[in-house]
Amino acid sequence: MEELIGRVAERAGISQEQAQTAVNTVAEFLKEKVPAPYSSYIDNFMGGSGSGGAEGGLGGMAGGLGGMFGNKE
């Protein structure tokens, strides 16, 4: 998550604290919009256990969401 916060801070030209708030706000928004079982992917990524690989982070979340929308990999 620190990498994501760093990128947001750099690209938006804001402080690390402001980027942390922005990232947390987006995560909470996403958790409100996806079905409850999929919110755990967001929690796992935000908690630092996500590496972006196939089983964790955004990779795992994308795979789960792809399945939800009919993409059977």
PDB file of N, CA and C in Angstrom:
ATOM      1  N   MET A   1       0.826  -1.183   0.000  1.00  0.00           N
ATOM      2  CA  MET A   1       0.000   0.000   0.000  1.00  0.00           C
ATOM      3  C   MET A   1       0.873   1.249   0.000  1.00  0.00           C
ATOM      4  N   GLU A   2       2.044   1.143   0.609  1.00  0.00           N
ATOM      5  CA  GLU A   2       2.924   2.314   0.645  1.00  0.00           C
ATOM      6  C   GLU A   2       3.319   2.762  -0.758  1.00  0.00           C
ATOM      7  N   GLU A   3       3.498   1.802  -1.649  1.00  0.00           N
ATOM      8  CA  GLU A   3       3.842   2.155  -3.028  1.00  0.00           C
ATOM      9  C   GLU A   3       2.701   2.926  -3.681  1.00  0.00           C
ATOM     10  N   LEU A   4       1.482   2.480  -3.461  1.00  0.00           N
ATOM     11  CA  LEU A   4       0.310   3.158  -4.018  1.00  0.00           C
ATOM     12  C   LEU A   4       0.208   4.577  -3.470  1.00  0.00           C
ATOM     13  N   ILE A   5       0.376   4.725  -2.174  1.00  0.00           N
ATOM     14  CA  ILE A   5       0.312   6.053  -1.555  1.00  0.00           C
ATOM     15  C   ILE A   5       1.399   6.957  -2.129  1.00  0.00           C
ATOM     16  N   GLY A   6       2.592   6.405  -2.288  1.00  0.00           N
ATOM     17  CA  GLY A   6       3.691   7.177  -2.864  1.00  0.00           C
ATOM     18  C   GLY A   6       3.389   7.647  -4.277  1.00  0.00           C
ATOM     19  N   ARG A   7       2.815   6.765  -5.069  1.00  0.00           N
ATOM     20  CA  ARG A   7       2.467   7.142  -6.448  1.00  0.00           C
ATOM     21  C   ARG A   7       1.391   8.213  -6.478  1.00  0.00           C
ATOM     22  N   VAL A   8       0.381   8.058  -5.649  1.00  0.00           N
ATOM     23  CA  VAL A   8      -0.685   9.057  -5.606  1.00  0.00           C
ATOM     24  C   VAL A   8      -0.114  10.404  -5.188  1.00  0.00           C
ATOM     25  N   ALA A   9       0.719  10.404  -4.158  1.00  0.00           N
ATOM     26  CA  ALA A   9       1.321  11.651  -3.681  1.00  0.00           C
ATOM     27  C   ALA A   9       2.147  12.323  -4.775  1.00  0.00           C
ATOM     28  N   GLU A  10       2.958  11.523  -5.456  1.00  0.00           N
ATOM     29  CA  GLU A  10       3.826  12.067  -6.499  1.00  0.00           C
ATOM     30  C   GLU A  10       3.034  12.609  -7.686  1.00  0.00           C
ATOM     31  N   ARG A  11       2.120  11.800  -8.170  1.00  0.00           N
ATOM     32  CA  ARG A  11       1.386  12.192  -9.380  1.00  0.00           C
ATOM     33  C   ARG A  11       0.407  13.327  -9.129  1.00  0.00           C
ATOM     34  N   ALA A  12      -0.159  13.380  -7.922  1.00  0.00           N
ATOM     35  CA  ALA A  12      -1.119  14.445  -7.621  1.00  0.00           C
ATOM     36  C   ALA A  12      -0.433  15.677  -7.028  1.00  0.00           C
ATOM     37  N   GLY A  13       0.835  15.533  -6.665  1.00  0.00           N
ATOM     38  CA  GLY A  13       1.555  16.660  -6.073  1.00  0.00           C
ATOM     39  C   GLY A  13       1.030  17.010  -4.686  1.00  0.00           C
ATOM     40  N   ILE A  14       0.720  15.979  -3.894  1.00  0.00           N
ATOM     41  CA  ILE A  14       0.184  16.178  -2.551  1.00  0.00           C
ATOM     42  C   ILE A  14       1.076  15.469  -1.536  1.00  0.00           C
ATOM     43  N   SER A  15       0.842  15.736  -0.264  1.00  0.00           N
ATOM     44  CA  SER A  15       1.635  15.118   0.799  1.00  0.00           C
ATOM     45  C   SER A  15       1.275  13.642   0.951  1.00  0.00           C
ATOM     46  N   GLN A  16       2.143  12.902   1.624  1.00  0.00           N
ATOM     47  CA  GLN A  16       1.880  11.491   1.906  1.00  0.00           C
ATOM     48  C   GLN A  16       0.594  11.338   2.719  1.00  0.00           C
ATOM     49  N   GLU A  17       0.367  12.235   3.654  1.00  0.00           N
ATOM     50  CA  GLU A  17      -0.839  12.167   4.487  1.00  0.00           C
ATOM     51  C   GLU A  17      -2.101  12.384   3.652  1.00  0.00           C
ATOM     52  N   GLN A  18      -2.036  13.338   2.757  1.00  0.00           N
ATOM     53  CA  GLN A  18      -3.187  13.582   1.882  1.00  0.00           C
ATOM     54  C   GLN A  18      -3.419  12.396   0.947  1.00  0.00           C
ATOM     55  N   ALA A  19      -2.340  11.811   0.441  1.00  0.00           N
ATOM     56  CA  ALA A  19      -2.465  10.642  -0.429  1.00  0.00           C
ATOM     57  C   ALA A  19      -3.053   9.466   0.336  1.00  0.00           C
ATOM     58  N   GLN A  20      -2.648   9.294   1.598  1.00  0.00           N
ATOM     59  CA  GLN A  20      -3.200   8.220   2.436  1.00  0.00           C
ATOM     60  C   GLN A  20      -4.714   8.392   2.569  1.00  0.00           C
ATOM     61  N   THR A  21      -5.146   9.627   2.812  1.00  0.00           N
ATOM     62  CA  THR A  21      -6.574   9.910   2.924  1.00  0.00           C
ATOM     63  C   THR A  21      -7.290   9.606   1.610  1.00  0.00           C
ATOM     64  N   ALA A  22      -6.687   9.999   0.504  1.00  0.00           N
ATOM     65  CA  ALA A  22      -7.298   9.751  -0.801  1.00  0.00           C
ATOM     66  C   ALA A  22      -7.426   8.255  -1.082  1.00  0.00           C
ATOM     67  N   VAL A  23      -6.376   7.508  -0.820  1.00  0.00           N
ATOM     68  CA  VAL A  23      -6.390   6.064  -1.065  1.00  0.00           C
ATOM     69  C   VAL A  23      -7.433   5.388  -0.177  1.00  0.00           C
ATOM     70  N   ASN A  24      -7.479   5.764   1.092  1.00  0.00           N
ATOM     71  CA  ASN A  24      -8.469   5.181   2.002  1.00  0.00           C
ATOM     72  C   ASN A  24      -9.894   5.517   1.565  1.00  0.00           C
ATOM     73  N   THR A  25     -10.101   6.733   1.087  1.00  0.00           N
ATOM     74  CA  THR A  25     -11.422   7.148   0.624  1.00  0.00           C
ATOM     75  C   THR A  25     -11.856   6.321  -0.581  1.00  0.00           C
ATOM     76  N   VAL A  26     -10.955   6.114  -1.525  1.00  0.00           N
ATOM     77  CA  VAL A  26     -11.270   5.307  -2.703  1.00  0.00           C
ATOM     78  C   VAL A  26     -11.563   3.865  -2.289  1.00  0.00           C
ATOM     79  N   ALA A  27     -10.765   3.321  -1.384  1.00  0.00           N
ATOM     80  CA  ALA A  27     -10.982   1.943  -0.925  1.00  0.00           C
ATOM     81  C   ALA A  27     -12.354   1.801  -0.270  1.00  0.00           C
ATOM     82  N   GLU A  28     -12.718   2.733   0.573  1.00  0.00           N
ATOM     83  CA  GLU A  28     -14.029   2.675   1.223  1.00  0.00           C
ATOM     84  C   GLU A  28     -15.151   2.787   0.198  1.00  0.00           C
ATOM     85  N   PHE A  29     -14.977   3.648  -0.787  1.00  0.00           N
ATOM     86  CA  PHE A  29     -15.974   3.792  -1.841  1.00  0.00           C
ATOM     87  C   PHE A  29     -16.142   2.477  -2.594  1.00  0.00           C
ATOM     88  N   LEU A  30     -15.025   1.860  -2.967  1.00  0.00           N
ATOM     89  CA  LEU A  30     -15.089   0.595  -3.690  1.00  0.00           C
ATOM     90  C   LEU A  30     -15.765  -0.485  -2.863  1.00  0.00           C
ATOM     91  N   LYS A  31     -15.457  -0.535  -1.570  1.00  0.00           N
ATOM     92  CA  LYS A  31     -16.065  -1.545  -0.703  1.00  0.00           C
ATOM     93  C   LYS A  31     -17.572  -1.358  -0.604  1.00  0.00           C
ATOM     94  N   GLU A  32     -18.053  -0.135  -0.709  1.00  0.00           N
ATOM     95  CA  GLU A  32     -19.493   0.123  -0.683  1.00  0.00           C
ATOM     96  C   GLU A  32     -20.164  -0.329  -1.979  1.00  0.00           C
ATOM     97  N   LYS A  33     -19.415  -0.344  -3.080  1.00  0.00           N
ATOM     98  CA  LYS A  33     -19.995  -0.601  -4.395  1.00  0.00           C
ATOM     99  C   LYS A  33     -19.940  -2.061  -4.825  1.00  0.00           C
ATOM    100  N   VAL A  34     -19.006  -2.827  -4.282  1.00  0.00           N
ATOM    101  CA  VAL A  34     -18.894  -4.237  -4.702  1.00  0.00           C
ATOM    102  C   VAL A  34     -19.690  -5.123  -3.750  1.00  0.00           C
ATOM    103  N   PRO A  35     -20.091  -6.297  -4.211  1.00  0.00           N
ATOM    104  CA  PRO A  35     -20.771  -7.239  -3.308  1.00  0.00           C
ATOM    105  C   PRO A  35     -19.874  -7.569  -2.104  1.00  0.00           C
ATOM    106  N   ALA A  36     -20.494  -7.799  -0.972  1.00  0.00           N
ATOM    107  CA  ALA A  36     -19.771  -8.013   0.282  1.00  0.00           C
ATOM    108  C   ALA A  36     -18.629  -9.018   0.174  1.00  0.00           C
ATOM    109  N   PRO A  37     -18.807 -10.156  -0.468  1.00  0.00           N
ATOM    110  CA  PRO A  37     -17.692 -11.115  -0.523  1.00  0.00           C
ATOM    111  C   PRO A  37     -16.432 -10.547  -1.191  1.00  0.00           C
ATOM    112  N   TYR A  38     -16.599  -9.604  -2.101  1.00  0.00           N
ATOM    113  CA  TYR A  38     -15.458  -9.044  -2.817  1.00  0.00           C
ATOM    114  C   TYR A  38     -14.763  -7.934  -2.044  1.00  0.00           C
ATOM    115  N   SER A  39     -15.411  -7.382  -1.038  1.00  0.00           N
ATOM    116  CA  SER A  39     -14.767  -6.318  -0.268  1.00  0.00           C
ATOM    117  C   SER A  39     -13.547  -6.831   0.479  1.00  0.00           C
ATOM    118  N   SER A  40     -13.486  -8.147   0.734  1.00  0.00           N
ATOM    119  CA  SER A  40     -12.315  -8.701   1.418  1.00  0.00           C
ATOM    120  C   SER A  40     -11.057  -8.572   0.560  1.00  0.00           C
ATOM    121  N   TYR A  41     -11.198  -8.587  -0.767  1.00  0.00           N
ATOM    122  CA  TYR A  41     -10.036  -8.370  -1.628  1.00  0.00           C
ATOM    123  C   TYR A  41      -9.456  -6.981  -1.380  1.00  0.00           C
ATOM    124  N   ILE A  42     -10.322  -6.009  -1.240  1.00  0.00           N
ATOM    125  CA  ILE A  42      -9.870  -4.644  -0.989  1.00  0.00           C
ATOM    126  C   ILE A  42      -9.219  -4.566   0.383  1.00  0.00           C
ATOM    127  N   ASP A  43      -9.851  -5.175   1.392  1.00  0.00           N
ATOM    128  CA  ASP A  43      -9.272  -5.178   2.734  1.00  0.00           C
ATOM    129  C   ASP A  43      -7.894  -5.831   2.739  1.00  0.00           C
ATOM    130  N   ASN A  44      -7.768  -6.972   2.056  1.00  0.00           N
ATOM    131  CA  ASN A  44      -6.482  -7.665   2.009  1.00  0.00           C
ATOM    132  C   ASN A  44      -5.409  -6.808   1.364  1.00  0.00           C
ATOM    133  N   PHE A  45      -5.741  -6.150   0.278  1.00  0.00           N
ATOM    134  CA  PHE A  45      -4.769  -5.299  -0.397  1.00  0.00           C
ATOM    135  C   PHE A  45      -4.378  -4.114   0.481  1.00  0.00           C
ATOM    136  N   MET A  46      -5.363  -3.474   1.053  1.00  0.00           N
ATOM    137  CA  MET A  46      -5.095  -2.292   1.873  1.00  0.00           C
ATOM    138  C   MET A  46      -4.353  -2.657   3.149  1.00  0.00           C
ATOM    139  N   GLY A  47      -4.535  -3.894   3.621  1.00  0.00           N
ATOM    140  CA  GLY A  47      -3.838  -4.329   4.820  1.00  0.00           C
ATOM    141  C   GLY A  47      -2.398  -4.699   4.565  1.00  0.00           C
ATOM    142  N   GLY A  48      -1.968  -4.661   3.319  1.00  0.00           N
ATOM    143  CA  GLY A  48      -0.581  -4.931   3.012  1.00  0.00           C
ATOM    144  C   GLY A  48      -0.300  -6.351   2.584  1.00  0.00           C
ATOM    145  N   SER A  49      -1.295  -7.233   2.645  1.00  0.00           N
ATOM    146  CA  SER A  49      -1.023  -8.607   2.261  1.00  0.00           C
ATOM    147  C   SER A  49      -1.045  -8.789   0.757  1.00  0.00           C
ATOM    148  N   GLY A  50      -1.562  -7.789   0.030  1.00  0.00           N
ATOM    149  CA  GLY A  50      -1.613  -7.915  -1.413  1.00  0.00           C
ATOM    150  C   GLY A  50      -0.297  -7.548  -2.046  1.00  0.00           C
ATOM    151  N   SER A  51       0.163  -8.402  -2.946  1.00  0.00           N
ATOM    152  CA  SER A  51       1.428  -8.152  -3.622  1.00  0.00           C
ATOM    153  C   SER A  51       1.211  -7.760  -5.077  1.00  0.00           C
ATOM    154  N   GLY A  52      -0.033  -7.780  -5.519  1.00  0.00           N
ATOM    155  CA  GLY A  52      -0.312  -7.508  -6.915  1.00  0.00           C
ATOM    156  C   GLY A  52      -0.232  -8.767  -7.759  1.00  0.00           C
ATOM    157  N   GLY A  53       0.062  -9.907  -7.124  1.00  0.00           N
ATOM    158  CA  GLY A  53       0.164 -11.175  -7.843  1.00  0.00           C
ATOM    159  C   GLY A  53      -1.205 -11.743  -8.143  1.00  0.00           C
ATOM    160  N   ALA A  54      -1.201 -12.932  -8.681  1.00  0.00           N
ATOM    161  CA  ALA A  54      -2.459 -13.553  -9.099  1.00  0.00           C
ATOM    162  C   ALA A  54      -3.359 -13.865  -7.921  1.00  0.00           C
ATOM    163  N   GLU A  55      -2.801 -14.120  -6.757  1.00  0.00           N
ATOM    164  CA  GLU A  55      -3.619 -14.503  -5.612  1.00  0.00           C
ATOM    165  C   GLU A  55      -3.867 -13.359  -4.636  1.00  0.00           C
ATOM    166  N   GLY A  56      -3.229 -12.242  -4.811  1.00  0.00           N
ATOM    167  CA  GLY A  56      -3.392 -11.161  -3.835  1.00  0.00           C
ATOM    168  C   GLY A  56      -3.411  -9.815  -4.505  1.00  0.00           C
ATOM    169  N   GLY A  57      -3.624  -8.788  -3.721  1.00  0.00           N
ATOM    170  CA  GLY A  57      -3.597  -7.427  -4.224  1.00  0.00           C
ATOM    171  C   GLY A  57      -4.594  -7.182  -5.322  1.00  0.00           C
ATOM    172  N   LEU A  58      -4.262  -6.280  -6.180  1.00  0.00           N
ATOM    173  CA  LEU A  58      -5.179  -5.911  -7.247  1.00  0.00           C
ATOM    174  C   LEU A  58      -5.347  -7.034  -8.250  1.00  0.00           C
ATOM    175  N   GLY A  59      -4.331  -7.878  -8.435  1.00  0.00           N
ATOM    176  CA  GLY A  59      -4.469  -9.003  -9.348  1.00  0.00           C
ATOM    177  C   GLY A  59      -5.571  -9.943  -8.910  1.00  0.00           C
ATOM    178  N   GLY A  60      -5.593 -10.285  -7.636  1.00  0.00           N
ATOM    179  CA  GLY A  60      -6.630 -11.167  -7.112  1.00  0.00           C
ATOM    180  C   GLY A  60      -7.988 -10.513  -7.156  1.00  0.00           C
ATOM    181  N   MET A  61      -8.037  -9.240  -6.833  1.00  0.00           N
ATOM    182  CA  MET A  61      -9.307  -8.528  -6.862  1.00  0.00           C
ATOM    183  C   MET A  61      -9.832  -8.465  -8.291  1.00  0.00           C
ATOM    184  N   ALA A  62      -8.965  -8.195  -9.255  1.00  0.00           N
ATOM    185  CA  ALA A  62      -9.405  -8.128 -10.645  1.00  0.00           C
ATOM    186  C   ALA A  62      -9.926  -9.478 -11.106  1.00  0.00           C
ATOM    187  N   GLY A  63      -9.252 -10.548 -10.700  1.00  0.00           N
ATOM    188  CA  GLY A  63      -9.718 -11.874 -11.065  1.00  0.00           C
ATOM    189  C   GLY A  63     -11.086 -12.170 -10.479  1.00  0.00           C
ATOM    190  N   GLY A  64     -11.279 -11.806  -9.224  1.00  0.00           N
ATOM    191  CA  GLY A  64     -12.570 -12.025  -8.576  1.00  0.00           C
ATOM    192  C   GLY A  64     -13.675 -11.227  -9.228  1.00  0.00           C
ATOM    193  N   LEU A  65     -13.383  -9.992  -9.540  1.00  0.00           N
ATOM    194  CA  LEU A  65     -14.382  -9.150 -10.195  1.00  0.00           C
ATOM    195  C   LEU A  65     -14.651  -9.623 -11.607  1.00  0.00           C
ATOM    196  N   GLY A  66     -13.608 -10.113 -12.301  1.00  0.00           N
ATOM    197  CA  GLY A  66     -13.809 -10.650 -13.638  1.00  0.00           C
ATOM    198  C   GLY A  66     -14.779 -11.819 -13.611  1.00  0.00           C
ATOM    199  N   GLY A  67     -14.622 -12.682 -12.603  1.00  0.00           N
ATOM    200  CA  GLY A  67     -15.539 -13.815 -12.456  1.00  0.00           C
ATOM    201  C   GLY A  67     -16.946 -13.346 -12.164  1.00  0.00           C
ATOM    202  N   MET A  68     -17.073 -12.297 -11.392  1.00  0.00           N
ATOM    203  CA  MET A  68     -18.388 -11.773 -11.038  1.00  0.00           C
ATOM    204  C   MET A  68     -19.117 -11.285 -12.294  1.00  0.00           C
ATOM    205  N   PHE A  69     -18.358 -10.765 -13.281  1.00  0.00           N
ATOM    206  CA  PHE A  69     -18.969 -10.230 -14.484  1.00  0.00           C
ATOM    207  C   PHE A  69     -18.951 -11.216 -15.640  1.00  0.00           C
ATOM    208  N   GLY A  70     -18.681 -12.485 -15.345  1.00  0.00           N
ATOM    209  CA  GLY A  70     -18.788 -13.504 -16.374  1.00  0.00           C
ATOM    210  C   GLY A  70     -17.511 -13.905 -17.047  1.00  0.00           C
ATOM    211  N   ASN A  71     -16.376 -13.317 -16.664  1.00  0.00           N
ATOM    212  CA  ASN A  71     -15.093 -13.678 -17.253  1.00  0.00           C
ATOM    213  C   ASN A  71     -14.566 -14.901 -16.526  1.00  0.00           C
ATOM    214  N   LYS A  72     -14.711 -16.056 -17.100  1.00  0.00           N
ATOM    215  CA  LYS A  72     -14.275 -17.308 -16.477  1.00  0.00           C
ATOM    216  C   LYS A  72     -12.884 -17.655 -16.964  1.00  0.00           C
ATOM    217  N   GLU A  73     -11.849 -17.242 -16.229  1.00  0.00           N
ATOM    218  CA  GLU A  73     -10.472 -17.481 -16.647  1.00  0.00           C
ATOM    219  C   GLU A  73     -10.072 -18.911 -16.433  1.00  0.00           C
TER     220      GLU A  73
END
